[in-house]
């Protein structure tokens, strides 16, 4: 589960669907992340919505999926060992900056 800056709650399901819940009016929108370029064994582990409204979906077995809910467009960003090393360095730097 993830709560975005607008107060909406995002929930992931095992069937490769995510839901956007608006607590202000109890509206629920469902989105499927199934597609030709998404492995059917992908398991959603994290959800994050950036400032532009793009939904970043972390998965086990598939890497990172970028989802544009307005266009219902999926983009799979395959992870490599080098990419994971870069992300780890960025995370360490972010944590250090936050501690200063």
N, C-alpha and C. Protein backbone atom coordinates (compact mmCIF):
# COMPACT_ATOMS: atom_id res chain seq x y z
N UNK A 1 0.84 -1.18 0.00
CA UNK A 1 0.00 0.00 0.00
C UNK A 1 0.87 1.24 0.00
N UNK A 2 0.34 2.28 -0.62
CA UNK A 2 1.07 3.54 -0.70
C UNK A 2 0.06 4.69 -0.70
N UNK A 3 0.35 5.73 0.06
CA UNK A 3 -0.49 6.93 0.09
C UNK A 3 0.25 8.03 -0.65
N UNK A 4 -0.36 8.55 -1.72
CA UNK A 4 0.32 9.59 -2.49
C UNK A 4 0.09 10.97 -1.89
N UNK A 5 0.69 12.00 -2.50
CA UNK A 5 0.63 13.35 -1.92
C UNK A 5 -0.76 13.96 -1.98
N UNK A 6 -1.64 13.41 -2.80
CA UNK A 6 -3.02 13.91 -2.87
C UNK A 6 -3.93 13.21 -1.86
N UNK A 7 -3.37 12.24 -1.13
CA UNK A 7 -4.14 11.51 -0.13
C UNK A 7 -4.78 10.24 -0.65
N UNK A 8 -4.58 9.94 -1.94
CA UNK A 8 -5.13 8.70 -2.49
C UNK A 8 -4.27 7.52 -2.05
N UNK A 9 -4.92 6.41 -1.87
CA UNK A 9 -4.25 5.20 -1.41
C UNK A 9 -4.17 4.22 -2.59
N UNK A 10 -2.98 3.68 -2.78
CA UNK A 10 -2.73 2.72 -3.86
C UNK A 10 -2.51 1.34 -3.25
N UNK A 11 -3.18 0.35 -3.81
CA UNK A 11 -3.09 -1.02 -3.31
C UNK A 11 -2.75 -1.95 -4.48
N UNK A 12 -1.85 -2.88 -4.24
CA UNK A 12 -1.49 -3.87 -5.26
C UNK A 12 -2.14 -5.20 -4.94
N UNK A 13 -2.51 -5.93 -5.99
CA UNK A 13 -3.13 -7.23 -5.84
C UNK A 13 -2.29 -8.29 -6.55
N UNK A 14 -2.45 -9.53 -6.17
CA UNK A 14 -1.67 -10.64 -6.74
C UNK A 14 -1.97 -10.89 -8.22
N UNK A 15 -3.10 -10.45 -8.71
CA UNK A 15 -3.48 -10.71 -10.10
C UNK A 15 -2.96 -9.62 -11.05
N UNK A 16 -1.91 -8.94 -10.65
CA UNK A 16 -1.27 -7.88 -11.43
C UNK A 16 -2.21 -6.70 -11.69
N UNK A 17 -2.98 -6.37 -10.68
CA UNK A 17 -3.82 -5.19 -10.73
C UNK A 17 -3.45 -4.28 -9.57
N UNK A 18 -3.68 -2.98 -9.79
CA UNK A 18 -3.52 -2.01 -8.72
C UNK A 18 -4.82 -1.20 -8.63
N UNK A 19 -5.07 -0.68 -7.45
CA UNK A 19 -6.27 0.12 -7.23
C UNK A 19 -5.87 1.46 -6.65
N UNK A 20 -6.54 2.50 -7.13
CA UNK A 20 -6.36 3.86 -6.61
C UNK A 20 -7.64 4.18 -5.84
N UNK A 21 -7.51 4.39 -4.54
CA UNK A 21 -8.67 4.62 -3.68
C UNK A 21 -8.64 6.08 -3.23
N UNK A 22 -9.76 6.78 -3.46
CA UNK A 22 -9.88 8.17 -3.02
C UNK A 22 -10.76 8.19 -1.77
N UNK A 23 -10.15 8.35 -0.58
CA UNK A 23 -10.91 8.29 0.67
C UNK A 23 -11.93 9.43 0.81
N UNK A 24 -11.75 10.54 0.07
CA UNK A 24 -12.66 11.67 0.21
C UNK A 24 -14.05 11.37 -0.35
N UNK A 25 -14.13 10.46 -1.34
CA UNK A 25 -15.44 10.12 -1.90
C UNK A 25 -15.64 8.61 -2.09
N UNK A 26 -14.73 7.82 -1.53
CA UNK A 26 -14.77 6.36 -1.61
C UNK A 26 -14.75 5.83 -3.04
N UNK A 27 -14.20 6.61 -3.96
CA UNK A 27 -14.08 6.17 -5.35
C UNK A 27 -12.88 5.22 -5.48
N UNK A 28 -13.06 4.13 -6.21
CA UNK A 28 -11.99 3.16 -6.43
C UNK A 28 -11.83 2.95 -7.94
N UNK A 29 -10.61 3.11 -8.42
CA UNK A 29 -10.30 2.85 -9.82
C UNK A 29 -9.31 1.70 -9.88
N UNK A 30 -9.58 0.74 -10.74
CA UNK A 30 -8.70 -0.42 -10.90
C UNK A 30 -7.93 -0.30 -12.21
N UNK A 31 -6.66 -0.70 -12.16
CA UNK A 31 -5.81 -0.69 -13.34
C UNK A 31 -5.09 -2.03 -13.42
N UNK A 32 -5.00 -2.56 -14.62
CA UNK A 32 -4.27 -3.81 -14.84
C UNK A 32 -2.88 -3.49 -15.36
N UNK A 33 -1.87 -4.18 -14.84
CA UNK A 33 -0.52 -4.00 -15.38
C UNK A 33 -0.13 -5.21 -16.22
N UNK A 34 -1.14 -5.97 -16.65
CA UNK A 34 -0.89 -7.09 -17.53
C UNK A 34 -0.65 -6.54 -18.94
N UNK A 35 0.23 -7.16 -19.65
CA UNK A 35 0.49 -6.74 -21.01
C UNK A 35 1.45 -7.68 -21.70
N UNK A 36 1.63 -7.46 -22.99
CA UNK A 36 2.52 -8.32 -23.77
C UNK A 36 3.95 -8.27 -23.27
N UNK A 37 4.36 -7.11 -22.73
CA UNK A 37 5.75 -6.96 -22.30
C UNK A 37 5.93 -7.16 -20.79
N UNK A 38 4.89 -7.61 -20.10
CA UNK A 38 4.97 -7.85 -18.66
C UNK A 38 4.83 -9.35 -18.40
N UNK A 39 5.81 -9.91 -17.73
CA UNK A 39 5.82 -11.34 -17.40
C UNK A 39 4.65 -11.65 -16.48
N UNK A 40 3.93 -12.72 -16.77
CA UNK A 40 2.76 -13.08 -15.97
C UNK A 40 3.12 -13.50 -14.54
N UNK A 41 4.41 -13.79 -14.30
CA UNK A 41 4.82 -14.17 -12.94
C UNK A 41 5.31 -12.98 -12.12
N UNK A 42 5.22 -11.76 -12.68
CA UNK A 42 5.66 -10.57 -11.95
C UNK A 42 4.80 -10.35 -10.71
N UNK A 43 5.44 -10.07 -9.61
CA UNK A 43 4.75 -9.82 -8.34
C UNK A 43 5.03 -8.39 -7.92
N UNK A 44 3.98 -7.61 -7.72
CA UNK A 44 4.14 -6.20 -7.33
C UNK A 44 4.61 -6.14 -5.89
N UNK A 45 5.71 -5.40 -5.66
CA UNK A 45 6.24 -5.26 -4.31
C UNK A 45 6.16 -3.83 -3.78
N UNK A 46 6.21 -2.85 -4.67
CA UNK A 46 6.19 -1.44 -4.24
C UNK A 46 5.42 -0.61 -5.24
N UNK A 47 4.81 0.47 -4.74
CA UNK A 47 4.13 1.45 -5.59
C UNK A 47 4.57 2.83 -5.13
N UNK A 48 4.85 3.71 -6.10
CA UNK A 48 5.20 5.09 -5.80
C UNK A 48 4.63 5.97 -6.90
N UNK A 49 4.03 7.11 -6.53
CA UNK A 49 3.50 8.05 -7.51
C UNK A 49 4.35 9.31 -7.44
N UNK A 50 4.95 9.70 -8.58
CA UNK A 50 5.83 10.87 -8.58
C UNK A 50 5.03 12.16 -8.73
N UNK A 51 5.73 13.31 -8.73
CA UNK A 51 5.07 14.62 -8.79
C UNK A 51 4.28 14.85 -10.06
N UNK A 52 4.61 14.15 -11.13
CA UNK A 52 3.88 14.32 -12.38
C UNK A 52 2.71 13.34 -12.51
N UNK A 53 2.50 12.51 -11.49
CA UNK A 53 1.38 11.58 -11.50
C UNK A 53 1.68 10.22 -12.11
N UNK A 54 2.94 10.01 -12.51
CA UNK A 54 3.31 8.70 -13.05
C UNK A 54 3.45 7.71 -11.91
N UNK A 55 2.98 6.50 -12.15
CA UNK A 55 3.00 5.45 -11.12
C UNK A 55 4.19 4.53 -11.40
N UNK A 56 5.08 4.44 -10.43
CA UNK A 56 6.26 3.57 -10.52
C UNK A 56 5.93 2.32 -9.73
N UNK A 57 6.04 1.16 -10.39
CA UNK A 57 5.67 -0.10 -9.77
C UNK A 57 6.90 -1.01 -9.73
N UNK A 58 7.33 -1.31 -8.52
CA UNK A 58 8.45 -2.24 -8.35
C UNK A 58 7.91 -3.65 -8.30
N UNK A 59 8.59 -4.55 -9.01
CA UNK A 59 8.13 -5.93 -9.04
C UNK A 59 9.25 -6.90 -8.74
N UNK A 60 8.87 -8.06 -8.32
CA UNK A 60 9.78 -9.18 -8.18
C UNK A 60 9.68 -9.97 -9.48
N UNK A 61 10.78 -10.19 -10.13
CA UNK A 61 10.91 -10.94 -11.38
C UNK A 61 10.76 -10.10 -12.65
N UNK A 62 10.27 -8.88 -12.56
CA UNK A 62 10.06 -8.12 -13.79
C UNK A 62 10.82 -6.79 -13.79
N UNK A 63 11.27 -6.35 -12.64
CA UNK A 63 11.97 -5.08 -12.58
C UNK A 63 11.00 -3.95 -12.27
N UNK A 64 11.23 -2.83 -12.89
CA UNK A 64 10.45 -1.61 -12.63
C UNK A 64 9.49 -1.37 -13.79
N UNK A 65 8.25 -1.05 -13.45
CA UNK A 65 7.24 -0.74 -14.47
C UNK A 65 6.79 0.70 -14.26
N UNK A 66 6.80 1.47 -15.31
CA UNK A 66 6.32 2.85 -15.28
C UNK A 66 4.93 2.86 -15.89
N UNK A 67 3.95 3.36 -15.13
CA UNK A 67 2.55 3.32 -15.56
C UNK A 67 1.98 4.72 -15.60
N UNK A 68 1.46 5.11 -16.75
CA UNK A 68 0.77 6.40 -16.91
C UNK A 68 -0.72 6.12 -16.85
N UNK A 69 -1.34 6.45 -15.74
CA UNK A 69 -2.75 6.08 -15.55
C UNK A 69 -3.68 6.86 -16.46
N UNK A 70 -3.27 8.04 -16.90
CA UNK A 70 -4.11 8.83 -17.80
C UNK A 70 -4.18 8.19 -19.19
N UNK A 71 -3.06 7.65 -19.64
CA UNK A 71 -3.00 7.02 -20.96
C UNK A 71 -3.10 5.50 -20.87
N UNK A 72 -3.16 4.98 -19.65
CA UNK A 72 -3.09 3.54 -19.37
C UNK A 72 -1.96 2.89 -20.17
N UNK A 73 -0.81 3.53 -20.11
CA UNK A 73 0.36 3.08 -20.85
C UNK A 73 1.37 2.46 -19.88
N UNK A 74 1.88 1.28 -20.24
CA UNK A 74 2.88 0.58 -19.43
C UNK A 74 4.23 0.62 -20.12
N UNK A 75 5.27 0.85 -19.34
CA UNK A 75 6.63 0.77 -19.87
C UNK A 75 7.46 -0.04 -18.88
N UNK A 76 7.96 -1.17 -19.32
CA UNK A 76 8.77 -2.03 -18.46
C UNK A 76 10.22 -1.59 -18.57
N UNK A 77 10.83 -1.30 -17.43
CA UNK A 77 12.24 -0.89 -17.38
C UNK A 77 13.02 -2.06 -16.79
N UNK A 78 13.57 -2.88 -17.65
CA UNK A 78 14.31 -4.06 -17.19
C UNK A 78 15.52 -3.63 -16.37
N UNK A 79 15.71 -4.29 -15.26
CA UNK A 79 16.84 -3.95 -14.40
C UNK A 79 18.04 -4.82 -14.74
N UNK A 80 19.19 -4.20 -14.67
CA UNK A 80 20.44 -4.92 -14.86
C UNK A 80 21.25 -4.80 -13.58
N UNK A 81 22.29 -5.57 -13.46
CA UNK A 81 23.14 -5.50 -12.27
C UNK A 81 23.73 -4.09 -12.12
N UNK A 82 24.14 -3.48 -13.23
CA UNK A 82 24.72 -2.14 -13.18
C UNK A 82 23.68 -1.12 -12.70
N UNK A 83 22.43 -1.25 -13.19
CA UNK A 83 21.37 -0.33 -12.77
C UNK A 83 21.11 -0.46 -11.28
N UNK A 84 21.11 -1.69 -10.77
CA UNK A 84 20.88 -1.90 -9.34
C UNK A 84 22.01 -1.29 -8.51
N UNK A 85 23.24 -1.37 -9.00
CA UNK A 85 24.38 -0.75 -8.30
C UNK A 85 24.21 0.77 -8.26
N UNK A 86 23.80 1.35 -9.35
CA UNK A 86 23.59 2.81 -9.41
C UNK A 86 22.47 3.22 -8.45
N UNK A 87 21.37 2.47 -8.44
CA UNK A 87 20.26 2.77 -7.53
C UNK A 87 20.69 2.67 -6.07
N UNK A 88 21.52 1.67 -5.75
CA UNK A 88 22.00 1.51 -4.39
C UNK A 88 22.87 2.69 -3.98
N UNK A 89 23.75 3.14 -4.87
CA UNK A 89 24.59 4.31 -4.58
C UNK A 89 23.73 5.55 -4.37
N UNK A 90 22.70 5.73 -5.22
CA UNK A 90 21.81 6.88 -5.08
C UNK A 90 21.07 6.83 -3.75
N UNK A 91 20.63 5.65 -3.34
CA UNK A 91 19.93 5.50 -2.07
C UNK A 91 20.85 5.83 -0.90
N UNK A 92 22.08 5.36 -0.94
CA UNK A 92 23.04 5.65 0.13
C UNK A 92 23.29 7.15 0.22
N UNK A 93 23.47 7.81 -0.92
CA UNK A 93 23.69 9.26 -0.93
C UNK A 93 22.48 10.00 -0.40
N UNK A 94 21.30 9.56 -0.76
CA UNK A 94 20.07 10.19 -0.28
C UNK A 94 19.97 10.08 1.24
N UNK A 95 20.27 8.90 1.77
CA UNK A 95 20.21 8.70 3.23
C UNK A 95 21.24 9.58 3.93
N UNK A 96 22.42 9.67 3.38
CA UNK A 96 23.46 10.53 3.99
C UNK A 96 23.03 11.99 4.00
N UNK A 97 22.46 12.45 2.91
CA UNK A 97 22.01 13.85 2.84
C UNK A 97 20.92 14.10 3.87
N UNK A 98 20.01 13.17 4.04
CA UNK A 98 18.91 13.31 5.00
C UNK A 98 19.42 13.34 6.44
N UNK A 99 20.57 12.67 6.69
CA UNK A 99 21.10 12.62 8.05
C UNK A 99 21.92 13.84 8.42
N UNK A 100 22.30 14.62 7.41
CA UNK A 100 23.14 15.81 7.70
C UNK A 100 22.29 16.94 8.19
